Amino acid sequence: MDFPPWIQRAIQARLDELTARIEHDPELSRVRGETDEAFEALFAGEGINQTPEYIEWENRYIVRKGIENERLYMQGLRDGIQLTFSLLGQSMLVEKGHETDLS
């Protein structure tokens, strides 16, 4: 099932808004800073993937991505639930309107 273009645009706008919000999140800014520091330390030496700096950078990067993905997932879940309730509410209003017309 393809969504109509207006729904696709609304979903994309919501994703853009959430991405911007996540980019400015204080906790993620801190984690990004730590990741960047670990990444810079990574290239200060040789044998990159065997160094403690590389392992530190990789660990911080995985944590950062995990936090970002979790927040996107949870917001998507909330948005989906809200959309479902809205659509169900509209559906119920339409059904009640038909029942009233038949009375």
C-alpha atoms as a PDB file:
ATOM      1  CA  MET A   1       0.000   0.000   0.000  1.00  0.00           C
ATOM      2  CA  ASP A   2       1.389   3.375  -1.016  1.00  0.00           C
ATOM      3  CA  PHE A   3       0.669   6.413   1.082  1.00  0.00           C
ATOM      4  CA  PRO A   4      -0.715   9.500  -0.642  1.00  0.00           C
ATOM      5  CA  PRO A   5       1.934  12.173  -1.348  1.00  0.00           C
ATOM      6  CA  TRP A   6       0.608  14.467   1.392  1.00  0.00           C
ATOM      7  CA  ILE A   7       1.078  11.738   4.017  1.00  0.00           C
ATOM      8  CA  GLN A   8       4.577  11.015   2.710  1.00  0.00           C
ATOM      9  CA  ARG A   9       5.436  14.721   2.990  1.00  0.00           C
ATOM     10  CA  ALA A  10       3.983  14.866   6.519  1.00  0.00           C
ATOM     11  CA  ILE A  11       5.999  11.821   7.583  1.00  0.00           C
ATOM     12  CA  GLN A  12       9.186  13.258   6.061  1.00  0.00           C
ATOM     13  CA  ALA A  13       8.580  16.607   7.771  1.00  0.00           C
ATOM     14  CA  ARG A  14       8.119  14.802  11.094  1.00  0.00           C
ATOM     15  CA  LEU A  15      11.326  12.811  10.588  1.00  0.00           C
ATOM     16  CA  ASP A  16      13.208  16.003   9.745  1.00  0.00           C
ATOM     17  CA  GLU A  17      11.833  17.669  12.888  1.00  0.00           C
ATOM     18  CA  LEU A  18      12.798  14.720  15.091  1.00  0.00           C
ATOM     19  CA  THR A  19      16.267  14.494  13.570  1.00  0.00           C
ATOM     20  CA  ALA A  20      16.834  18.195  14.254  1.00  0.00           C
ATOM     21  CA  ARG A  21      15.575  17.789  17.828  1.00  0.00           C
ATOM     22  CA  ILE A  22      17.891  14.833  18.427  1.00  0.00           C
ATOM     23  CA  GLU A  23      20.844  16.735  16.967  1.00  0.00           C
ATOM     24  CA  HIS A  24      20.350  19.442  19.644  1.00  0.00           C
ATOM     25  CA  ASP A  25      19.712  17.082  22.562  1.00  0.00           C
ATOM     26  CA  PRO A  26      22.095  17.934  25.479  1.00  0.00           C
ATOM     27  CA  GLU A  27      22.846  14.308  26.392  1.00  0.00           C
ATOM     28  CA  LEU A  28      23.598  13.396  22.803  1.00  0.00           C
ATOM     29  CA  SER A  29      25.759  16.512  22.397  1.00  0.00           C
ATOM     30  CA  ARG A  30      27.836  15.336  25.346  1.00  0.00           C
ATOM     31  CA  VAL A  31      28.081  11.809  23.936  1.00  0.00           C
ATOM     32  CA  ARG A  32      28.981  13.175  20.480  1.00  0.00           C
ATOM     33  CA  GLY A  33      31.736  15.299  22.044  1.00  0.00           C
ATOM     34  CA  GLU A  34      33.156  12.264  23.814  1.00  0.00           C
ATOM     35  CA  THR A  35      32.939  10.266  20.576  1.00  0.00           C
ATOM     36  CA  ASP A  36      34.752  13.001  18.656  1.00  0.00           C
ATOM     37  CA  GLU A  37      37.521  13.166  21.286  1.00  0.00           C
ATOM     38  CA  ALA A  38      37.962   9.397  21.162  1.00  0.00           C
ATOM     39  CA  PHE A  39      38.009   9.526  17.348  1.00  0.00           C
ATOM     40  CA  GLU A  40      40.745  12.194  17.340  1.00  0.00           C
ATOM     41  CA  ALA A  41      42.814  10.127  19.768  1.00  0.00           C
ATOM     42  CA  LEU A  42      42.321   7.184  17.464  1.00  0.00           C
ATOM     43  CA  PHE A  43      44.353   8.730  14.657  1.00  0.00           C
ATOM     44  CA  ALA A  44      47.150   9.931  16.909  1.00  0.00           C
ATOM     45  CA  GLY A  45      48.838   6.507  16.749  1.00  0.00           C
ATOM     46  CA  GLU A  46      49.471   3.568  14.441  1.00  0.00           C
ATOM     47  CA  GLY A  47      47.778   0.167  14.245  1.00  0.00           C
ATOM     48  CA  ILE A  48      44.432   1.871  14.636  1.00  0.00           C
ATOM     49  CA  ASN A  49      42.066  -1.050  15.156  1.00  0.00           C
ATOM     50  CA  GLN A  50      44.292  -2.672  17.797  1.00  0.00           C
ATOM     51  CA  THR A  51      44.650   0.364  20.040  1.00  0.00           C
ATOM     52  CA  PRO A  52      42.693   1.124  23.213  1.00  0.00           C
ATOM     53  CA  GLU A  53      41.786   4.469  21.608  1.00  0.00           C
ATOM     54  CA  TYR A  54      40.087   2.703  18.715  1.00  0.00           C
ATOM     55  CA  ILE A  55      38.188   0.433  21.063  1.00  0.00           C
ATOM     56  CA  GLU A  56      37.145   3.470  23.126  1.00  0.00           C
ATOM     57  CA  TRP A  57      35.984   5.348  20.030  1.00  0.00           C
ATOM     58  CA  GLU A  58      34.091   2.321  18.730  1.00  0.00           C
ATOM     59  CA  ASN A  59      32.354   1.809  22.079  1.00  0.00           C
ATOM     60  CA  ARG A  60      31.312   5.455  22.298  1.00  0.00           C
ATOM     61  CA  TYR A  61      30.126   5.457  18.690  1.00  0.00           C
ATOM     62  CA  ILE A  62      27.966   2.389  19.305  1.00  0.00           C
ATOM     63  CA  VAL A  63      26.476   3.980  22.442  1.00  0.00           C
ATOM     64  CA  ARG A  64      25.721   7.210  20.560  1.00  0.00           C
ATOM     65  CA  LYS A  65      24.041   5.395  17.695  1.00  0.00           C
ATOM     66  CA  GLY A  66      22.079   3.284  20.158  1.00  0.00           C
ATOM     67  CA  ILE A  67      20.744   6.360  21.961  1.00  0.00           C
ATOM     68  CA  GLU A  68      19.827   8.066  18.681  1.00  0.00           C
ATOM     69  CA  ASN A  69      18.077   4.969  17.335  1.00  0.00           C
ATOM     70  CA  GLU A  70      16.218   4.363  20.585  1.00  0.00           C
ATOM     71  CA  ARG A  71      14.902   7.916  20.645  1.00  0.00           C
ATOM     72  CA  LEU A  72      13.849   7.784  17.005  1.00  0.00           C
ATOM     73  CA  TYR A  73      12.128   4.448  17.595  1.00  0.00           C
ATOM     74  CA  MET A  74      10.278   5.623  20.701  1.00  0.00           C
ATOM     75  CA  GLN A  75       9.126   8.836  19.053  1.00  0.00           C
ATOM     76  CA  GLY A  76       8.007   6.869  16.003  1.00  0.00           C
ATOM     77  CA  LEU A  77       6.077   4.546  18.273  1.00  0.00           C
ATOM     78  CA  ARG A  78       4.408   7.491  20.031  1.00  0.00           C
ATOM     79  CA  ASP A  79       3.584   9.117  16.693  1.00  0.00           C
ATOM     80  CA  GLY A  80       2.159   5.845  15.368  1.00  0.00           C
ATOM     81  CA  ILE A  81      -0.029   5.383  18.433  1.00  0.00           C
ATOM     82  CA  GLN A  82      -1.222   8.979  18.223  1.00  0.00           C
ATOM     83  CA  LEU A  83      -2.007   8.577  14.520  1.00  0.00           C
ATOM     84  CA  THR A  84      -3.882   5.334  15.190  1.00  0.00           C
ATOM     85  CA  PHE A  85      -5.991   6.932  17.915  1.00  0.00           C
ATOM     86  CA  SER A  86      -6.719   9.907  15.674  1.00  0.00           C
ATOM     87  CA  LEU A  87      -7.802   7.698  12.806  1.00  0.00           C
ATOM     88  CA  LEU A  88      -9.876   5.476  15.095  1.00  0.00           C
ATOM     89  CA  GLY A  89     -11.456   8.549  16.656  1.00  0.00           C
ATOM     90  CA  GLN A  90     -12.388   9.921  13.235  1.00  0.00           C
ATOM     91  CA  SER A  91     -13.729   6.525  12.224  1.00  0.00           C
ATOM     92  CA  MET A  92     -15.877   6.351  15.361  1.00  0.00           C
ATOM     93  CA  LEU A  93     -17.224   9.853  14.761  1.00  0.00           C
ATOM     94  CA  VAL A  94     -18.183   8.909  11.218  1.00  0.00           C
ATOM     95  CA  GLU A  95     -19.883   5.737  12.447  1.00  0.00           C
ATOM     96  CA  LYS A  96     -21.777   7.646  15.124  1.00  0.00           C
ATOM     97  CA  GLY A  97     -22.813  10.214  12.521  1.00  0.00           C
ATOM     98  CA  HIS A  98     -24.297   7.451  10.372  1.00  0.00           C
ATOM     99  CA  GLU A  99     -26.082   5.956  13.350  1.00  0.00           C
ATOM    100  CA  THR A 100     -27.578   9.344  14.164  1.00  0.00           C
ATOM    101  CA  ASP A 101     -28.731   9.780  10.559  1.00  0.00           C
ATOM    102  CA  LEU A 102     -30.474   6.385  10.637  1.00  0.00           C
ATOM    103  CA  SER A 103     -32.406   7.138  13.837  1.00  0.00           C
END
